Amino acid sequence: MDHSIVSSPPAFTKSLRASLELLKPVTWFAPMWAYGCGIVSSGVSLQNHWWTLFAGIALCGPLVCGTSQACNDWYDRHVDAINEPNRPIPSGRIPGRWGLYIAMGWTVLSLIVALSLGEWVFYATIVGLAVAWAYSAPPLRLKINGWWGNSAVGLCYEGLPWFTATAAMLVSRPPNEVIYLALLYSAGAHGIMTLNDFKAVEGDRQMGIGSLPVRLGEANAARLACVMMALPQLVVIGLLLNWDRPLYAAIVAASLALQILCMLRLVKDPKKYAPWYNGTGVTLYVLGMLTSAIAIRGGV
């Protein structure tokens, strides 16, 4: 008897694993965290709002973000064959056009869940999905231009989930303070997206994708990413002081100071230290987001 055949996982299990890998759970954290910040900044008690919390987090992470990842991998399959040939589509673990079908099916499922969360969330989900497809799919394919592509991802990963969570809790347009913070942290996320591009420089260059490390060179792109992450946080600190939240401003300032120390290491060798910075500096960045959300909960 061939024991290797008996002990190997069933094809269905392998397909599920490949599909989950395609949706990239590790990328769900950012929009889920931003949605949580929106819940906090609304100042509304979670009593009688548990569906808004859990369904909204699922919508932002596994569904909309998962859709964007499946869509991106489908349209990037030729680039991934160079950069990361072991990914589900170029490796053949997700065969044929199934990568595209998963992205389309997840789009429909996202809209269904969004409908259950109300008008504000539904319209925001339409915007998020439209940007997700525009980022990867022709004719727009925003990702071929690092300026536009990173801006789109930053908005959908940070600003849009924050805005919609607050809107869902308040059942109305969020206050201006929420909108300001959501937009500022979206702008800062532009730099985080630039760091993510360092792992694919070779394939991007060969396939004509103009990520900022390709356009500007790795050293200049790393410096720009640091500036893009730091400047919006400086504005946030100023706003918190203006809103008479000095303690929260001090916490965000301390977080930024630690990020700058991490940046000094990052710029020495961006390609080597970008993954490290994603685990250190970006963690400090999102903790600053939560601090800002707590500062304005219930209004200023």
C-alpha atoms as a PDB file:
ATOM      1  CA  MET A   1       0.000   0.000   0.000  1.00  0.00           C
ATOM      2  CA  ASP A   2       1.230   3.508  -0.825  1.00  0.00           C
ATOM      3  CA  HIS A   3       1.088   5.213   2.577  1.00  0.00           C
ATOM      4  CA  SER A   4       1.913   8.614   1.041  1.00  0.00           C
ATOM      5  CA  ILE A   5      -1.429   8.531  -0.768  1.00  0.00           C
ATOM      6  CA  VAL A   6      -3.359   7.470   2.329  1.00  0.00           C
ATOM      7  CA  SER A   7      -1.830  10.153   4.542  1.00  0.00           C
ATOM      8  CA  SER A   8      -2.054  13.047   2.087  1.00  0.00           C
ATOM      9  CA  PRO A   9      -4.790  15.642   2.725  1.00  0.00           C
ATOM     10  CA  PRO A  10      -7.928  15.336   0.583  1.00  0.00           C
ATOM     11  CA  ALA A  11      -8.107  17.548  -2.489  1.00  0.00           C
ATOM     12  CA  PHE A  12     -11.002  19.493  -0.934  1.00  0.00           C
ATOM     13  CA  THR A  13      -8.897  20.343   2.131  1.00  0.00           C
ATOM     14  CA  LYS A  14      -6.016  21.439  -0.077  1.00  0.00           C
ATOM     15  CA  SER A  15      -8.383  23.684  -2.045  1.00  0.00           C
ATOM     16  CA  LEU A  16      -9.705  25.287   1.136  1.00  0.00           C
ATOM     17  CA  ARG A  17      -6.178  25.974   2.336  1.00  0.00           C
ATOM     18  CA  ALA A  18      -5.206  27.491  -0.999  1.00  0.00           C
ATOM     19  CA  SER A  19      -8.346  29.644  -1.052  1.00  0.00           C
ATOM     20  CA  LEU A  20      -7.688  30.917   2.463  1.00  0.00           C
ATOM     21  CA  GLU A  21      -4.098  31.680   1.487  1.00  0.00           C
ATOM     22  CA  LEU A  22      -5.419  33.589  -1.530  1.00  0.00           C
ATOM     23  CA  LEU A  23      -7.536  35.788   0.758  1.00  0.00           C
ATOM     24  CA  LYS A  24      -4.418  36.539   2.889  1.00  0.00           C
ATOM     25  CA  PRO A  25      -5.737  36.695   6.473  1.00  0.00           C
ATOM     26  CA  VAL A  26      -2.615  38.574   7.582  1.00  0.00           C
ATOM     27  CA  THR A  27      -3.809  41.616   5.582  1.00  0.00           C
ATOM     28  CA  TRP A  28      -7.204  41.749   7.281  1.00  0.00           C
ATOM     29  CA  PHE A  29      -5.861  43.266  10.475  1.00  0.00           C
ATOM     30  CA  ALA A  30      -5.541  46.868   9.237  1.00  0.00           C
ATOM     31  CA  PRO A  31      -9.159  47.442   8.095  1.00  0.00           C
ATOM     32  CA  MET A  32     -10.521  45.440  11.037  1.00  0.00           C
ATOM     33  CA  TRP A  33      -8.499  47.593  13.436  1.00  0.00           C
ATOM     34  CA  ALA A  34      -9.666  50.778  11.707  1.00  0.00           C
ATOM     35  CA  TYR A  35     -13.273  49.620  11.992  1.00  0.00           C
ATOM     36  CA  GLY A  36     -12.710  49.029  15.697  1.00  0.00           C
ATOM     37  CA  CYS A  37     -11.320  52.561  16.021  1.00  0.00           C
ATOM     38  CA  GLY A  38     -14.478  53.839  14.365  1.00  0.00           C
ATOM     39  CA  ILE A  39     -16.604  51.963  16.895  1.00  0.00           C
ATOM     40  CA  VAL A  40     -14.597  53.477  19.742  1.00  0.00           C
ATOM     41  CA  SER A  41     -14.666  57.032  18.374  1.00  0.00           C
ATOM     42  CA  SER A  42     -18.462  56.934  18.024  1.00  0.00           C
ATOM     43  CA  GLY A  43     -18.805  56.903  21.808  1.00  0.00           C
ATOM     44  CA  VAL A  44     -21.859  54.637  21.489  1.00  0.00           C
ATOM     45  CA  SER A  45     -22.250  51.694  23.852  1.00  0.00           C
ATOM     46  CA  LEU A  46     -22.040  48.271  22.241  1.00  0.00           C
ATOM     47  CA  GLN A  47     -25.252  47.241  23.967  1.00  0.00           C
ATOM     48  CA  ASN A  48     -27.691  46.282  21.196  1.00  0.00           C
ATOM     49  CA  HIS A  49     -24.929  46.893  18.621  1.00  0.00           C
ATOM     50  CA  TRP A  50     -23.073  43.596  18.681  1.00  0.00           C
ATOM     51  CA  TRP A  51     -24.107  42.759  15.105  1.00  0.00           C
ATOM     52  CA  THR A  52     -22.693  46.098  13.954  1.00  0.00           C
ATOM     53  CA  LEU A  53     -19.400  45.201  15.626  1.00  0.00           C
ATOM     54  CA  PHE A  54     -18.904  41.589  14.532  1.00  0.00           C
ATOM     55  CA  ALA A  55     -20.530  41.750  11.097  1.00  0.00           C
ATOM     56  CA  GLY A  56     -18.697  45.003  10.354  1.00  0.00           C
ATOM     57  CA  ILE A  57     -15.326  43.561  11.347  1.00  0.00           C
ATOM     58  CA  ALA A  58     -16.001  40.504   9.179  1.00  0.00           C
ATOM     59  CA  LEU A  59     -17.039  42.764   6.318  1.00  0.00           C
ATOM     60  CA  CYS A  60     -13.902  44.910   6.490  1.00  0.00           C
ATOM     61  CA  GLY A  61     -11.483  42.022   6.945  1.00  0.00           C
ATOM     62  CA  PRO A  62     -12.329  38.611   5.475  1.00  0.00           C
ATOM     63  CA  LEU A  63     -14.843  39.946   2.959  1.00  0.00           C
ATOM     64  CA  VAL A  64     -13.855  43.292   1.409  1.00  0.00           C
ATOM     65  CA  CYS A  65     -10.132  43.013   2.145  1.00  0.00           C
ATOM     66  CA  GLY A  66     -10.232  39.335   1.150  1.00  0.00           C
ATOM     67  CA  THR A  67     -11.892  40.336  -2.115  1.00  0.00           C
ATOM     68  CA  SER A  68      -9.164  42.872  -2.807  1.00  0.00           C
ATOM     69  CA  GLN A  69      -6.467  40.253  -2.185  1.00  0.00           C
ATOM     70  CA  ALA A  70      -8.063  37.663  -4.470  1.00  0.00           C
ATOM     71  CA  CYS A  71      -8.568  40.284  -7.173  1.00  0.00           C
ATOM     72  CA  ASN A  72      -4.991  41.500  -6.818  1.00  0.00           C
ATOM     73  CA  ASP A  73      -3.526  38.001  -7.026  1.00  0.00           C
ATOM     74  CA  TRP A  74      -5.556  37.179 -10.113  1.00  0.00           C
ATOM     75  CA  TYR A  75      -4.435  40.244 -12.051  1.00  0.00           C
ATOM     76  CA  ASP A  76      -0.894  39.981 -10.661  1.00  0.00           C
ATOM     77  CA  ARG A  77      -0.430  36.291 -11.437  1.00  0.00           C
ATOM     78  CA  HIS A  78       2.230  37.012 -14.063  1.00  0.00           C
ATOM     79  CA  VAL A  79       4.184  39.268 -11.681  1.00  0.00           C
ATOM     80  CA  ASP A  80       3.838  36.740  -8.858  1.00  0.00           C
ATOM     81  CA  ALA A  81       5.244  34.043 -11.138  1.00  0.00           C
ATOM     82  CA  ILE A  82       8.489  36.039 -10.931  1.00  0.00           C
ATOM     83  CA  ASN A  83       8.369  37.414  -7.364  1.00  0.00           C
ATOM     84  CA  GLU A  84       6.484  34.713  -5.455  1.00  0.00           C
ATOM     85  CA  PRO A  85       5.857  31.636  -7.649  1.00  0.00           C
ATOM     86  CA  ASN A  86       4.604  29.618  -4.665  1.00  0.00           C
ATOM     87  CA  ARG A  87       1.463  31.729  -4.299  1.00  0.00           C
ATOM     88  CA  PRO A  88      -1.818  29.832  -4.917  1.00  0.00           C
ATOM     89  CA  ILE A  89      -2.477  31.001  -8.490  1.00  0.00           C
ATOM     90  CA  PRO A  90       0.984  30.873 -10.151  1.00  0.00           C
ATOM     91  CA  SER A  91       1.743  27.589  -8.361  1.00  0.00           C
ATOM     92  CA  GLY A  92      -1.412  26.033  -9.844  1.00  0.00           C
ATOM     93  CA  ARG A  93      -2.965  25.236  -6.455  1.00  0.00           C
ATOM     94  CA  ILE A  94      -5.886  27.412  -7.561  1.00  0.00           C
ATOM     95  CA  PRO A  95      -6.247  26.399 -11.214  1.00  0.00           C
ATOM     96  CA  GLY A  96      -7.869  27.982 -14.235  1.00  0.00           C
ATOM     97  CA  ARG A  97      -9.956  31.085 -13.598  1.00  0.00           C
ATOM     98  CA  TRP A  98     -10.968  30.135 -10.069  1.00  0.00           C
ATOM     99  CA  GLY A  99      -8.997  33.033  -8.597  1.00  0.00           C
ATOM    100  CA  LEU A 100     -11.211  35.429 -10.564  1.00  0.00           C
ATOM    101  CA  TYR A 101     -14.380  33.541  -9.622  1.00  0.00           C
ATOM    102  CA  ILE A 102     -13.491  33.721  -5.926  1.00  0.00           C
ATOM    103  CA  ALA A 103     -12.972  37.482  -6.183  1.00  0.00           C
ATOM    104  CA  MET A 104     -16.338  37.911  -7.911  1.00  0.00           C
ATOM    105  CA  GLY A 105     -18.204  35.684  -5.460  1.00  0.00           C
ATOM    106  CA  TRP A 106     -16.647  37.425  -2.467  1.00  0.00           C
ATOM    107  CA  THR A 107     -17.717  40.777  -3.948  1.00  0.00           C
ATOM    108  CA  VAL A 108     -21.354  39.678  -4.009  1.00  0.00           C
ATOM    109  CA  LEU A 109     -21.165  38.247  -0.491  1.00  0.00           C
ATOM    110  CA  SER A 110     -19.641  41.497   0.776  1.00  0.00           C
ATOM    111  CA  LEU A 111     -22.548  43.504  -0.619  1.00  0.00           C
ATOM    112  CA  ILE A 112     -25.090  41.170   0.972  1.00  0.00           C
ATOM    113  CA  VAL A 113     -23.521  41.545   4.415  1.00  0.00           C
ATOM    114  CA  ALA A 114     -23.176  45.307   3.938  1.00  0.00           C
ATOM    115  CA  LEU A 115     -26.901  45.583   3.244  1.00  0.00           C
ATOM    116  CA  SER A 116     -27.620  44.152   6.682  1.00  0.00           C
ATOM    117  CA  LEU A 117     -25.601  46.928   8.320  1.00  0.00           C
ATOM    118  CA  GLY A 118     -27.504  49.859   6.890  1.00  0.00           C
ATOM    119  CA  GLU A 119     -27.332  52.464   4.188  1.00  0.00           C
ATOM    120  CA  TRP A 120     -24.060  54.134   5.222  1.00  0.00           C
ATOM    121  CA  VAL A 121     -22.164  50.867   5.371  1.00  0.00           C
ATOM    122  CA  PHE A 122     -23.640  49.622   2.090  1.00  0.00           C
ATOM    123  CA  TYR A 123     -22.588  52.714   0.142  1.00  0.00           C
ATOM    124  CA  ALA A 124     -19.148  52.728   1.754  1.00  0.00           C
ATOM    125  CA  THR A 125     -18.749  49.060   0.821  1.00  0.00           C
ATOM    126  CA  ILE A 126     -19.580  49.849  -2.798  1.00  0.00           C
ATOM    127  CA  VAL A 127     -16.837  52.487  -2.763  1.00  0.00           C
ATOM    128  CA  GLY A 128     -14.366  50.117  -1.131  1.00  0.00           C
ATOM    129  CA  LEU A 129     -15.060  47.303  -3.582  1.00  0.00           C
ATOM    130  CA  ALA A 130     -14.897  49.652  -6.559  1.00  0.00           C
ATOM    131  CA  VAL A 131     -11.485  50.875  -5.434  1.00  0.00           C
ATOM    132  CA  ALA A 132     -10.332  47.292  -4.776  1.00  0.00           C
ATOM    133  CA  TRP A 133     -11.128  46.293  -8.352  1.00  0.00           C
ATOM    134  CA  ALA A 134      -9.785  49.548  -9.807  1.00  0.00           C
ATOM    135  CA  TYR A 135      -6.511  49.007  -7.946  1.00  0.00           C
ATOM    136  CA  SER A 136      -5.772  45.673  -9.619  1.00  0.00           C
ATOM    137  CA  ALA A 137      -7.927  45.337 -12.732  1.00  0.00           C
ATOM    138  CA  PRO A 138      -7.543  47.042 -16.101  1.00  0.00           C
ATOM    139  CA  PRO A 139      -8.214  49.542 -17.494  1.00  0.00           C
ATOM    140  CA  LEU A 140      -7.471  51.686 -14.415  1.00  0.00           C
ATOM    141  CA  ARG A 141      -5.095  49.315 -12.597  1.00  0.00           C
ATOM    142  CA  LEU A 142      -4.145  51.985 -10.074  1.00  0.00           C
ATOM    143  CA  LYS A 143      -1.296  49.911  -8.710  1.00  0.00           C
ATOM    144  CA  ILE A 144       0.889  50.565 -11.762  1.00  0.00           C
ATOM    145  CA  ASN A 145       1.324  54.072 -10.344  1.00  0.00           C
ATOM    146  CA  GLY A 146       2.620  53.980  -6.776  1.00  0.00           C
ATOM    147  CA  TRP A 147       1.205  57.412  -5.992  1.00  0.00           C
ATOM    148  CA  TRP A 148      -2.370  56.537  -6.918  1.00  0.00           C
ATOM    149  CA  GLY A 149      -2.264  52.910  -5.849  1.00  0.00           C
ATOM    150  CA  ASN A 150      -0.909  53.548  -2.360  1.00  0.00           C
ATOM    151  CA  SER A 151      -3.388  56.375  -1.826  1.00  0.00           C
ATOM    152  CA  ALA A 152      -6.281  54.103  -2.775  1.00  0.00           C
ATOM    153  CA  VAL A 153      -5.160  51.304  -0.453  1.00  0.00           C
ATOM    154  CA  GLY A 154      -4.512  53.692   2.429  1.00  0.00           C
ATOM    155  CA  LEU A 155      -8.003  55.121   2.110  1.00  0.00           C
ATOM    156  CA  CYS A 156      -9.682  51.710   1.985  1.00  0.00           C
ATOM    157  CA  TYR A 157      -7.564  50.145   4.734  1.00  0.00           C
ATOM    158  CA  GLU A 158      -7.818  52.952   7.273  1.00  0.00           C
ATOM    159  CA  GLY A 159     -10.164  55.827   6.465  1.00  0.00           C
ATOM    160  CA  LEU A 160     -13.160  54.079   4.968  1.00  0.00           C
ATOM    161  CA  PRO A 161     -13.572  51.415   7.705  1.00  0.00           C
ATOM    162  CA  TRP A 162     -13.178  54.056  10.428  1.00  0.00           C
ATOM    163  CA  PHE A 163     -15.740  56.343   8.792  1.00  0.00           C
ATOM    164  CA  THR A 164     -18.306  53.608   8.185  1.00  0.00           C
ATOM    165  CA  ALA A 165     -18.053  52.094  11.664  1.00  0.00           C
ATOM    166  CA  THR A 166     -18.798  55.456  13.270  1.00  0.00           C
ATOM    167  CA  ALA A 167     -21.593  56.095  10.786  1.00  0.00           C
ATOM    168  CA  ALA A 168     -23.099  52.678  11.474  1.00  0.00           C
ATOM    169  CA  MET A 169     -23.056  53.240  15.239  1.00  0.00           C
ATOM    170  CA  LEU A 170     -24.456  56.774  15.050  1.00  0.00           C
ATOM    171  CA  VAL A 171     -26.809  56.000  12.113  1.00  0.00           C
ATOM    172  CA  SER A 172     -25.753  59.347  10.683  1.00  0.00           C
ATOM    173  CA  ARG A 173     -22.823  61.167   9.150  1.00  0.00           C
ATOM    174  CA  PRO A 174     -19.787  61.015  11.465  1.00  0.00           C
ATOM    175  CA  PRO A 175     -18.665  64.283  13.089  1.00  0.00           C
ATOM    176  CA  ASN A 176     -15.911  66.269  11.444  1.00  0.00           C
ATOM    177  CA  GLU A 177     -13.347  65.203  14.049  1.00  0.00           C
ATOM    178  CA  VAL A 178     -13.767  61.560  13.026  1.00  0.00           C
ATOM    179  CA  ILE A 179     -13.438  62.426   9.343  1.00  0.00           C
ATOM    180  CA  TYR A 180     -10.257  64.443   9.951  1.00  0.00           C
ATOM    181  CA  LEU A 181      -8.569  61.625  11.867  1.00  0.00           C
ATOM    182  CA  ALA A 182      -9.689  58.955   9.400  1.00  0.00           C
ATOM    183  CA  LEU A 183      -8.272  60.930   6.474  1.00  0.00           C
ATOM    184  CA  LEU A 184      -5.012  61.709   8.257  1.00  0.00           C
ATOM    185  CA  TYR A 185      -4.337  58.106   9.190  1.00  0.00           C
ATOM    186  CA  SER A 186      -5.256  57.112   5.620  1.00  0.00           C
ATOM    187  CA  ALA A 187      -2.621  59.534   4.349  1.00  0.00           C
ATOM    188  CA  GLY A 188      -0.067  58.018   6.715  1.00  0.00           C
ATOM    189  CA  ALA A 189      -0.916  54.549   5.460  1.00  0.00           C
ATOM    190  CA  HIS A 190       0.405  55.642   2.057  1.00  0.00           C
ATOM    191  CA  GLY A 191       3.885  55.246   3.526  1.00  0.00           C
ATOM    192  CA  ILE A 192       3.059  51.831   4.969  1.00  0.00           C
ATOM    193  CA  MET A 193       1.941  50.671   1.523  1.00  0.00           C
ATOM    194  CA  THR A 194       5.245  51.864   0.067  1.00  0.00           C
ATOM    195  CA  LEU A 195       7.105  49.616   2.506  1.00  0.00           C
ATOM    196  CA  ASN A 196       5.062  46.651   1.304  1.00  0.00           C
ATOM    197  CA  ASP A 197       6.330  47.245  -2.235  1.00  0.00           C
ATOM    198  CA  PHE A 198       9.967  46.530  -1.391  1.00  0.00           C
ATOM    199  CA  LYS A 199       9.447  42.770  -1.495  1.00  0.00           C
ATOM    200  CA  ALA A 200       8.355  42.896  -5.158  1.00  0.00           C
ATOM    201  CA  VAL A 201      10.791  45.369  -6.707  1.00  0.00           C
ATOM    202  CA  GLU A 202      12.340  42.938  -9.193  1.00  0.00           C
ATOM    203  CA  GLY A 203       9.052  41.643 -10.594  1.00  0.00           C
ATOM    204  CA  ASP A 204       7.489  45.113 -10.618  1.00  0.00           C
ATOM    205  CA  ARG A 205      10.413  46.459 -12.613  1.00  0.00           C
ATOM    206  CA  GLN A 206      10.205  43.638 -15.171  1.00  0.00           C
ATOM    207  CA  MET A 207       6.413  43.946 -15.563  1.00  0.00           C
ATOM    208  CA  GLY A 208       6.319  47.737 -15.770  1.00  0.00           C
ATOM    209  CA  ILE A 209       4.564  48.331 -12.440  1.00  0.00           C
ATOM    210  CA  GLY A 210       5.614  51.751 -11.217  1.00  0.00           C
ATOM    211  CA  SER A 211       5.729  51.221  -7.472  1.00  0.00           C
ATOM    212  CA  LEU A 212       7.534  54.005  -5.639  1.00  0.00           C
ATOM    213  CA  PRO A 213      10.656  51.897  -4.962  1.00  0.00           C
ATOM    214  CA  VAL A 214      10.834  51.332  -8.744  1.00  0.00           C
ATOM    215  CA  ARG A 215      10.070  54.958  -9.639  1.00  0.00           C
ATOM    216  CA  LEU A 216      12.193  56.702  -7.033  1.00  0.00           C
ATOM    217  CA  GLY A 217      14.767  54.105  -6.094  1.00  0.00           C
ATOM    218  CA  GLU A 218      14.693  52.159  -2.863  1.00  0.00           C
ATOM    219  CA  ALA A 219      16.516  54.708  -0.692  1.00  0.00           C
ATOM    220  CA  ASN A 220      14.375  57.654  -1.779  1.00  0.00           C
ATOM    221  CA  ALA A 221      11.169  55.632  -1.518  1.00  0.00           C
ATOM    222  CA  ALA A 222      12.027  54.645   2.059  1.00  0.00           C
ATOM    223  CA  ARG A 223      12.663  58.262   3.031  1.00  0.00           C
ATOM    224  CA  LEU A 224       9.406  59.332   1.418  1.00  0.00           C
ATOM    225  CA  ALA A 225       7.526  56.566   3.236  1.00  0.00           C
ATOM    226  CA  CYS A 226       8.878  57.809   6.554  1.00  0.00           C
ATOM    227  CA  VAL A 227       7.797  61.381   5.802  1.00  0.00           C
ATOM    228  CA  MET A 228       4.360  60.218   4.660  1.00  0.00           C
ATOM    229  CA  MET A 229       3.877  58.260   7.893  1.00  0.00           C
ATOM    230  CA  ALA A 230       5.173  60.979  10.209  1.00  0.00           C
ATOM    231  CA  LEU A 231       3.590  64.180   8.877  1.00  0.00           C
ATOM    232  CA  PRO A 232      -0.096  63.167   9.314  1.00  0.00           C
ATOM    233  CA  GLN A 233       0.654  62.105  12.880  1.00  0.00           C
ATOM    234  CA  LEU A 234       2.140  65.517  13.596  1.00  0.00           C
ATOM    235  CA  VAL A 235      -1.126  67.046  12.397  1.00  0.00           C
ATOM    236  CA  VAL A 236      -3.064  64.612  14.603  1.00  0.00           C
ATOM    237  CA  ILE A 237      -1.017  65.740  17.612  1.00  0.00           C
ATOM    238  CA  GLY A 238      -1.799  69.359  16.775  1.00  0.00           C
ATOM    239  CA  LEU A 239      -5.523  68.619  16.452  1.00  0.00           C
ATOM    240  CA  LEU A 240      -5.634  66.756  19.768  1.00  0.00           C
ATOM    241  CA  LEU A 241      -3.971  69.728  21.479  1.00  0.00           C
ATOM    242  CA  ASN A 242      -6.433  72.083  19.812  1.00  0.00           C
ATOM    243  CA  TRP A 243      -9.309  69.882  21.043  1.00  0.00           C
ATOM    244  CA  ASP A 244      -7.973  70.093  24.598  1.00  0.00           C
ATOM    245  CA  ARG A 245      -6.760  66.489  24.710  1.00  0.00           C
ATOM    246  CA  PRO A 246      -3.147  67.047  25.880  1.00  0.00           C
ATOM    247  CA  LEU A 247      -2.671  63.617  27.473  1.00  0.00           C
ATOM    248  CA  TYR A 248      -3.720  61.801  24.291  1.00  0.00           C
ATOM    249  CA  ALA A 249      -1.574  64.173  22.215  1.00  0.00           C
ATOM    250  CA  ALA A 250       1.412  63.276  24.417  1.00  0.00           C
ATOM    251  CA  ILE A 251       0.794  59.541  23.945  1.00  0.00           C
ATOM    252  CA  VAL A 252       0.627  59.910  20.148  1.00  0.00           C
ATOM    253  CA  ALA A 253       3.766  62.079  20.254  1.00  0.00           C
ATOM    254  CA  ALA A 254       5.620  59.411  22.234  1.00  0.00           C
ATOM    255  CA  SER A 255       4.488  56.779  19.744  1.00  0.00           C
ATOM    256  CA  LEU A 256       5.736  58.919  16.868  1.00  0.00           C
ATOM    257  CA  ALA A 257       9.088  59.472  18.580  1.00  0.00           C
ATOM    258  CA  LEU A 258       9.585  55.713  18.865  1.00  0.00           C
ATOM    259  CA  GLN A 259       8.569  55.301  15.219  1.00  0.00           C
ATOM    260  CA  ILE A 260      11.202  57.817  14.179  1.00  0.00           C
ATOM    261  CA  LEU A 261      13.846  55.799  16.015  1.00  0.00           C
ATOM    262  CA  CYS A 262      12.701  52.745  14.047  1.00  0.00           C
ATOM    263  CA  MET A 263      12.791  54.771  10.830  1.00  0.00           C
ATOM    264  CA  LEU A 264      16.467  55.570  11.372  1.00  0.00           C
ATOM    265  CA  ARG A 265      17.179  51.856  11.116  1.00  0.00           C
ATOM    266  CA  LEU A 266      14.752  51.347   8.234  1.00  0.00           C
ATOM    267  CA  VAL A 267      16.425  53.841   5.897  1.00  0.00           C
ATOM    268  CA  LYS A 268      19.835  52.144   6.294  1.00  0.00           C
ATOM    269  CA  ASP A 269      18.635  49.134   4.292  1.00  0.00           C
ATOM    270  CA  PRO A 270      14.956  49.482   3.289  1.00  0.00           C
ATOM    271  CA  LYS A 271      14.617  46.127   1.579  1.00  0.00           C
ATOM    272  CA  LYS A 272      16.093  44.288   4.557  1.00  0.00           C
ATOM    273  CA  TYR A 273      14.328  46.204   7.315  1.00  0.00           C
ATOM    274  CA  ALA A 274      10.894  46.879   5.774  1.00  0.00           C
ATOM    275  CA  PRO A 275       9.436  43.623   7.186  1.00  0.00           C
ATOM    276  CA  TRP A 276      10.959  44.439  10.573  1.00  0.00           C
ATOM    277  CA  TYR A 277       9.459  47.925  10.508  1.00  0.00           C
ATOM    278  CA  ASN A 278       6.047  46.501   9.682  1.00  0.00           C
ATOM    279  CA  GLY A 279       6.210  44.634  12.978  1.00  0.00           C
ATOM    280  CA  THR A 280       7.513  47.540  15.053  1.00  0.00           C
ATOM    281  CA  GLY A 281       6.846  50.982  13.613  1.00  0.00           C
ATOM    282  CA  VAL A 282       3.481  50.053  12.120  1.00  0.00           C
ATOM    283  CA  THR A 283       2.369  48.567  15.446  1.00  0.00           C
ATOM    284  CA  LEU A 284       3.144  51.898  17.107  1.00  0.00           C
ATOM    285  CA  TYR A 285       1.270  53.665  14.316  1.00  0.00           C
ATOM    286  CA  VAL A 286      -1.963  51.719  14.827  1.00  0.00           C
ATOM    287  CA  LEU A 287      -1.736  52.126  18.605  1.00  0.00           C
ATOM    288  CA  GLY A 288      -1.692  55.861  17.937  1.00  0.00           C
ATOM    289  CA  MET A 289      -4.860  55.416  15.897  1.00  0.00           C
ATOM    290  CA  LEU A 290      -6.618  53.786  18.833  1.00  0.00           C
ATOM    291  CA  THR A 291      -5.372  56.493  21.188  1.00  0.00           C
ATOM    292  CA  SER A 292      -6.826  59.161  18.899  1.00  0.00           C
ATOM    293  CA  ALA A 293     -10.126  57.300  18.660  1.00  0.00           C
ATOM    294  CA  ILE A 294     -10.390  57.106  22.444  1.00  0.00           C
ATOM    295  CA  ALA A 295      -9.553  60.823  22.690  1.00  0.00           C
ATOM    296  CA  ILE A 296     -12.578  61.873  20.640  1.00  0.00           C
ATOM    297  CA  ARG A 297     -15.095  59.246  21.725  1.00  0.00           C
ATOM    298  CA  GLY A 298     -18.454  60.893  22.251  1.00  0.00           C
ATOM    299  CA  GLY A 299     -17.305  64.168  20.685  1.00  0.00           C
ATOM    300  CA  VAL A 300     -14.868  66.947  21.568  1.00  0.00           C
END
